[in-house]
Amino acid sequence: MMRRRRSGFTLIELLVVIAIIAIL
């Protein structure tokens, strides 16, 4: 599901990135 990114990431993307960083 690719949507136009307005400014920064979406809340879901932020949660995913934070989760990955937390695992690392």
N, C-alpha and C. Protein backbone atom coordinates (compact mmCIF):
# COMPACT_ATOMS: atom_id res chain seq x y z
N MET A 1 0.84 -1.20 0.00
CA MET A 1 0.00 0.00 0.00
C MET A 1 0.88 1.25 0.00
N MET A 2 1.09 1.80 -1.18
CA MET A 2 1.96 2.98 -1.28
C MET A 2 1.11 4.23 -1.44
N ARG A 3 1.23 5.13 -0.49
CA ARG A 3 0.46 6.37 -0.56
C ARG A 3 1.42 7.55 -0.61
N ARG A 4 0.89 8.72 -1.01
CA ARG A 4 1.73 9.91 -1.09
C ARG A 4 2.09 10.40 0.31
N ARG A 5 3.38 10.52 0.55
CA ARG A 5 3.83 10.99 1.87
C ARG A 5 3.86 12.51 1.88
N ARG A 6 3.08 13.11 2.77
CA ARG A 6 3.03 14.58 2.81
C ARG A 6 4.25 15.13 3.53
N SER A 7 4.33 14.90 4.82
CA SER A 7 5.48 15.42 5.58
C SER A 7 5.90 14.38 6.60
N GLY A 8 7.08 13.80 6.40
CA GLY A 8 7.55 12.79 7.33
C GLY A 8 6.88 11.45 7.05
N PHE A 9 6.84 10.60 8.09
CA PHE A 9 6.24 9.28 7.92
C PHE A 9 4.88 9.23 8.58
N THR A 10 4.14 8.19 8.28
CA THR A 10 2.83 8.02 8.92
C THR A 10 3.03 7.38 10.29
N LEU A 11 2.00 7.40 11.10
CA LEU A 11 2.11 6.84 12.45
C LEU A 11 2.50 5.37 12.38
N ILE A 12 1.92 4.64 11.43
CA ILE A 12 2.23 3.21 11.30
C ILE A 12 3.70 3.02 10.95
N GLU A 13 4.20 3.82 10.03
CA GLU A 13 5.61 3.69 9.63
C GLU A 13 6.52 4.01 10.80
N LEU A 14 6.15 5.03 11.58
CA LEU A 14 6.96 5.40 12.75
C LEU A 14 7.00 4.24 13.73
N LEU A 15 5.84 3.61 13.96
CA LEU A 15 5.78 2.48 14.90
C LEU A 15 6.66 1.34 14.40
N VAL A 16 6.64 1.09 13.11
CA VAL A 16 7.45 0.01 12.55
C VAL A 16 8.93 0.30 12.73
N VAL A 17 9.33 1.53 12.43
CA VAL A 17 10.74 1.91 12.57
C VAL A 17 11.18 1.80 14.02
N ILE A 18 10.36 2.29 14.93
CA ILE A 18 10.68 2.22 16.36
C ILE A 18 10.80 0.77 16.80
N ALA A 19 9.91 -0.08 16.30
CA ALA A 19 9.94 -1.51 16.67
C ALA A 19 11.24 -2.14 16.19
N ILE A 20 11.64 -1.84 14.95
CA ILE A 20 12.88 -2.40 14.40
C ILE A 20 14.08 -1.93 15.21
N ILE A 21 14.12 -0.65 15.53
CA ILE A 21 15.23 -0.11 16.32
C ILE A 21 15.26 -0.75 17.70
N ALA A 22 14.08 -0.97 18.26
CA ALA A 22 14.00 -1.58 19.60
C ALA A 22 14.56 -3.00 19.56
N ILE A 23 14.27 -3.73 18.48
CA ILE A 23 14.77 -5.11 18.34
C ILE A 23 16.28 -5.10 18.18
N LEU A 24 16.78 -4.14 17.42
CA LEU A 24 18.22 -4.06 17.21
C LEU A 24 18.90 -3.62 18.49
